[in-house]
Amino acid sequence: MTEYHFRLILSGPFTGELSDKELLDATDALGEAGCDDCSISLHGRGLELEFDRDHQTLQEAIASAIDDVERAGYVVESIEMDRDAVLPIRSG
């Protein structure tokens, strides 16, 4: 498996600026849905999840992260990657 680094920008059942409670609730829901391999932060358009996900291919890593996010009730607005992130971080 290879670890891939990418970010998902989310929208969801929140509007405007998120309160501390909404951020904690989102963190809990995303963790329960399988997003325990990412860091969560506020983004101008919602939430940003920065993943380091192990998978066979980049496409499978992103697809599985999107599935987890949608299971938690959020919508992926965009996928962001650094130029060097298309190369594996490490191989195992």
N, C-alpha and C. Protein backbone atom coordinates (compact mmCIF):
# COMPACT_ATOMS: atom_id res chain seq x y z
N MET A 1 0.84 -1.18 0.00
CA MET A 1 0.00 0.00 0.00
C MET A 1 0.89 1.24 0.00
N THR A 2 0.35 2.30 -0.51
CA THR A 2 1.05 3.57 -0.57
C THR A 2 0.23 4.63 0.15
N GLU A 3 0.90 5.55 0.80
CA GLU A 3 0.21 6.64 1.50
C GLU A 3 0.13 7.84 0.57
N TYR A 4 -1.08 8.37 0.40
CA TYR A 4 -1.31 9.53 -0.45
C TYR A 4 -1.78 10.71 0.39
N HIS A 5 -1.32 11.89 0.01
CA HIS A 5 -1.64 13.11 0.75
C HIS A 5 -2.53 13.99 -0.14
N PHE A 6 -3.69 14.39 0.37
CA PHE A 6 -4.60 15.25 -0.37
C PHE A 6 -5.55 15.92 0.62
N ARG A 7 -6.25 16.94 0.14
CA ARG A 7 -7.21 17.67 0.97
C ARG A 7 -8.58 17.65 0.31
N LEU A 8 -9.61 17.50 1.15
CA LEU A 8 -10.99 17.62 0.69
C LEU A 8 -11.58 18.85 1.35
N ILE A 9 -12.23 19.69 0.56
CA ILE A 9 -12.94 20.86 1.07
C ILE A 9 -14.41 20.48 1.12
N LEU A 10 -15.02 20.64 2.30
CA LEU A 10 -16.39 20.17 2.52
C LEU A 10 -17.37 21.30 2.75
N SER A 11 -18.61 21.03 2.36
CA SER A 11 -19.74 21.81 2.83
C SER A 11 -20.62 20.80 3.54
N GLY A 12 -21.63 21.25 4.19
CA GLY A 12 -22.45 20.28 4.90
C GLY A 12 -23.62 20.92 5.58
N PRO A 13 -24.05 20.34 6.66
CA PRO A 13 -25.26 20.84 7.33
C PRO A 13 -24.98 22.06 8.20
N PHE A 14 -24.02 22.88 7.82
CA PHE A 14 -23.72 24.10 8.55
C PHE A 14 -23.76 25.27 7.58
N THR A 15 -24.03 26.43 8.10
CA THR A 15 -24.05 27.63 7.27
C THR A 15 -23.27 28.71 7.98
N GLY A 16 -22.55 29.49 7.22
CA GLY A 16 -21.78 30.57 7.83
C GLY A 16 -20.62 30.06 8.64
N GLU A 17 -20.22 30.84 9.63
CA GLU A 17 -19.09 30.49 10.47
C GLU A 17 -19.47 29.39 11.44
N LEU A 18 -18.64 28.38 11.56
CA LEU A 18 -18.94 27.26 12.44
C LEU A 18 -18.65 27.61 13.89
N SER A 19 -19.54 27.18 14.77
CA SER A 19 -19.31 27.34 16.21
C SER A 19 -18.38 26.22 16.67
N ASP A 20 -17.87 26.37 17.89
CA ASP A 20 -17.02 25.32 18.46
C ASP A 20 -17.78 24.01 18.53
N LYS A 21 -19.06 24.06 18.91
CA LYS A 21 -19.88 22.84 19.01
C LYS A 21 -20.04 22.18 17.65
N GLU A 22 -20.30 22.98 16.61
CA GLU A 22 -20.45 22.42 15.27
C GLU A 22 -19.15 21.76 14.81
N LEU A 23 -18.02 22.38 15.13
CA LEU A 23 -16.74 21.80 14.75
C LEU A 23 -16.49 20.49 15.49
N LEU A 24 -16.81 20.45 16.78
CA LEU A 24 -16.66 19.20 17.54
C LEU A 24 -17.61 18.12 17.04
N ASP A 25 -18.85 18.50 16.74
CA ASP A 25 -19.81 17.53 16.20
C ASP A 25 -19.33 16.98 14.85
N ALA A 26 -18.79 17.86 14.00
CA ALA A 26 -18.27 17.42 12.70
C ALA A 26 -17.10 16.47 12.89
N THR A 27 -16.21 16.80 13.83
CA THR A 27 -15.06 15.94 14.12
C THR A 27 -15.52 14.56 14.57
N ASP A 28 -16.50 14.50 15.45
CA ASP A 28 -17.04 13.21 15.91
C ASP A 28 -17.66 12.43 14.76
N ALA A 29 -18.52 13.08 13.98
CA ALA A 29 -19.21 12.40 12.88
C ALA A 29 -18.23 11.89 11.84
N LEU A 30 -17.25 12.69 11.49
CA LEU A 30 -16.26 12.27 10.50
C LEU A 30 -15.40 11.13 11.01
N GLY A 31 -15.01 11.18 12.28
CA GLY A 31 -14.22 10.11 12.87
C GLY A 31 -14.99 8.80 12.89
N GLU A 32 -16.27 8.86 13.25
CA GLU A 32 -17.10 7.65 13.28
C GLU A 32 -17.31 7.07 11.89
N ALA A 33 -17.25 7.93 10.86
CA ALA A 33 -17.45 7.47 9.49
C ALA A 33 -16.17 6.93 8.85
N GLY A 34 -15.03 7.02 9.58
CA GLY A 34 -13.79 6.45 9.05
C GLY A 34 -12.72 7.46 8.70
N CYS A 35 -12.98 8.73 8.95
CA CYS A 35 -11.99 9.77 8.64
C CYS A 35 -11.07 10.00 9.83
N ASP A 36 -10.41 8.93 10.27
CA ASP A 36 -9.50 9.05 11.40
C ASP A 36 -8.05 9.19 10.95
N ASP A 37 -7.86 9.38 9.65
CA ASP A 37 -6.52 9.55 9.09
C ASP A 37 -6.36 10.94 8.47
N CYS A 38 -7.08 11.91 9.04
CA CYS A 38 -6.99 13.26 8.52
C CYS A 38 -7.00 14.27 9.65
N SER A 39 -6.54 15.46 9.34
CA SER A 39 -6.67 16.57 10.27
C SER A 39 -7.78 17.47 9.74
N ILE A 40 -8.53 18.05 10.65
CA ILE A 40 -9.70 18.86 10.30
C ILE A 40 -9.43 20.29 10.69
N SER A 41 -9.70 21.21 9.77
CA SER A 41 -9.56 22.63 10.08
C SER A 41 -10.65 23.42 9.37
N LEU A 42 -10.82 24.65 9.81
CA LEU A 42 -11.80 25.53 9.17
C LEU A 42 -11.21 26.04 7.86
N HIS A 43 -12.08 26.23 6.91
CA HIS A 43 -11.69 26.72 5.59
C HIS A 43 -12.68 27.81 5.22
N GLY A 44 -12.29 28.72 4.39
CA GLY A 44 -13.17 29.81 3.99
C GLY A 44 -14.49 29.34 3.42
N ARG A 45 -14.52 28.15 2.83
CA ARG A 45 -15.75 27.62 2.24
C ARG A 45 -16.39 26.53 3.09
N GLY A 46 -15.86 26.26 4.28
CA GLY A 46 -16.42 25.20 5.12
C GLY A 46 -15.34 24.54 5.96
N LEU A 47 -15.20 23.24 5.77
CA LEU A 47 -14.17 22.48 6.48
C LEU A 47 -13.14 21.96 5.49
N GLU A 48 -11.92 21.84 5.96
CA GLU A 48 -10.84 21.25 5.16
C GLU A 48 -10.34 20.02 5.90
N LEU A 49 -10.31 18.90 5.19
CA LEU A 49 -9.76 17.67 5.74
C LEU A 49 -8.47 17.36 5.00
N GLU A 50 -7.39 17.25 5.73
CA GLU A 50 -6.10 16.94 5.13
C GLU A 50 -5.77 15.48 5.43
N PHE A 51 -5.81 14.65 4.40
CA PHE A 51 -5.65 13.21 4.53
C PHE A 51 -4.24 12.74 4.23
N ASP A 52 -3.83 11.69 4.93
CA ASP A 52 -2.70 10.84 4.60
C ASP A 52 -3.30 9.44 4.61
N ARG A 53 -3.74 8.98 3.43
CA ARG A 53 -4.51 7.74 3.36
C ARG A 53 -3.76 6.68 2.58
N ASP A 54 -3.69 5.47 3.17
CA ASP A 54 -3.07 4.31 2.52
C ASP A 54 -4.06 3.64 1.59
N HIS A 55 -3.60 3.39 0.36
CA HIS A 55 -4.43 2.66 -0.60
C HIS A 55 -3.54 2.19 -1.74
N GLN A 56 -4.09 1.37 -2.61
CA GLN A 56 -3.35 0.87 -3.76
C GLN A 56 -3.07 1.98 -4.78
N THR A 57 -4.07 2.85 -5.03
CA THR A 57 -3.91 3.93 -6.00
C THR A 57 -4.43 5.23 -5.40
N LEU A 58 -4.01 6.33 -5.99
CA LEU A 58 -4.49 7.65 -5.57
C LEU A 58 -6.00 7.75 -5.74
N GLN A 59 -6.50 7.25 -6.86
CA GLN A 59 -7.93 7.32 -7.12
C GLN A 59 -8.73 6.57 -6.06
N GLU A 60 -8.24 5.40 -5.65
CA GLU A 60 -8.93 4.62 -4.62
C GLU A 60 -8.86 5.33 -3.27
N ALA A 61 -7.74 5.97 -2.96
CA ALA A 61 -7.60 6.70 -1.70
C ALA A 61 -8.60 7.85 -1.64
N ILE A 62 -8.69 8.61 -2.71
CA ILE A 62 -9.62 9.74 -2.74
C ILE A 62 -11.06 9.26 -2.71
N ALA A 63 -11.38 8.24 -3.50
CA ALA A 63 -12.75 7.72 -3.53
C ALA A 63 -13.19 7.20 -2.17
N SER A 64 -12.30 6.50 -1.47
CA SER A 64 -12.69 5.98 -0.15
C SER A 64 -12.87 7.12 0.85
N ALA A 65 -12.06 8.17 0.76
CA ALA A 65 -12.23 9.33 1.64
C ALA A 65 -13.55 10.03 1.36
N ILE A 66 -13.89 10.18 0.09
CA ILE A 66 -15.17 10.81 -0.27
C ILE A 66 -16.33 9.98 0.26
N ASP A 67 -16.26 8.66 0.11
CA ASP A 67 -17.32 7.78 0.65
C ASP A 67 -17.48 7.98 2.15
N ASP A 68 -16.38 8.06 2.88
CA ASP A 68 -16.44 8.26 4.33
C ASP A 68 -17.07 9.61 4.67
N VAL A 69 -16.66 10.66 3.96
CA VAL A 69 -17.20 12.00 4.20
C VAL A 69 -18.71 12.03 3.95
N GLU A 70 -19.14 11.43 2.85
CA GLU A 70 -20.57 11.42 2.53
C GLU A 70 -21.36 10.60 3.54
N ARG A 71 -20.78 9.54 4.06
CA ARG A 71 -21.43 8.73 5.08
C ARG A 71 -21.66 9.56 6.37
N ALA A 72 -20.78 10.52 6.61
CA ALA A 72 -20.91 11.40 7.77
C ALA A 72 -21.91 12.53 7.53
N GLY A 73 -22.42 12.65 6.30
CA GLY A 73 -23.44 13.65 6.01
C GLY A 73 -22.92 14.94 5.41
N TYR A 74 -21.69 14.93 4.93
CA TYR A 74 -21.11 16.14 4.35
C TYR A 74 -20.95 15.98 2.85
N VAL A 75 -20.70 17.10 2.18
CA VAL A 75 -20.55 17.12 0.73
C VAL A 75 -19.15 17.61 0.40
N VAL A 76 -18.46 16.89 -0.49
CA VAL A 76 -17.14 17.30 -0.94
C VAL A 76 -17.32 18.33 -2.05
N GLU A 77 -16.81 19.53 -1.78
CA GLU A 77 -16.89 20.61 -2.77
C GLU A 77 -15.72 20.58 -3.73
N SER A 78 -14.53 20.23 -3.21
CA SER A 78 -13.35 20.17 -4.08
C SER A 78 -12.28 19.29 -3.46
N ILE A 79 -11.37 18.87 -4.33
CA ILE A 79 -10.22 18.07 -3.95
C ILE A 79 -8.99 18.90 -4.28
N GLU A 80 -8.08 19.02 -3.32
CA GLU A 80 -6.87 19.80 -3.55
C GLU A 80 -5.65 18.94 -3.28
N MET A 81 -4.61 19.17 -4.08
CA MET A 81 -3.36 18.43 -3.91
C MET A 81 -2.21 19.37 -4.20
N ASP A 82 -1.12 19.16 -3.49
CA ASP A 82 0.11 19.86 -3.82
C ASP A 82 0.71 19.16 -5.02
N ARG A 83 1.50 19.87 -5.75
CA ARG A 83 2.09 19.30 -6.97
C ARG A 83 2.84 18.01 -6.69
N ASP A 84 3.61 17.94 -5.60
CA ASP A 84 4.39 16.75 -5.31
C ASP A 84 3.58 15.66 -4.65
N ALA A 85 2.32 15.92 -4.32
CA ALA A 85 1.49 14.92 -3.66
C ALA A 85 1.02 13.81 -4.59
N VAL A 86 1.17 13.99 -5.89
CA VAL A 86 0.76 12.94 -6.81
C VAL A 86 1.74 11.77 -6.78
N LEU A 87 2.89 11.99 -6.17
CA LEU A 87 3.84 10.91 -5.98
C LEU A 87 3.63 10.32 -4.61
N PRO A 88 3.80 9.03 -4.46
CA PRO A 88 3.63 8.43 -3.14
C PRO A 88 4.55 9.04 -2.10
N ILE A 89 4.02 9.20 -0.88
CA ILE A 89 4.82 9.69 0.23
C ILE A 89 5.75 8.58 0.69
N ARG A 90 5.20 7.39 0.81
CA ARG A 90 6.02 6.22 1.20
C ARG A 90 5.37 4.97 0.62
N SER A 91 6.13 3.97 0.42
CA SER A 91 5.62 2.69 -0.06
C SER A 91 5.81 1.66 1.03
N GLY A 92 4.87 0.71 1.10
CA GLY A 92 4.99 -0.30 2.14
C GLY A 92 4.74 -1.67 1.67
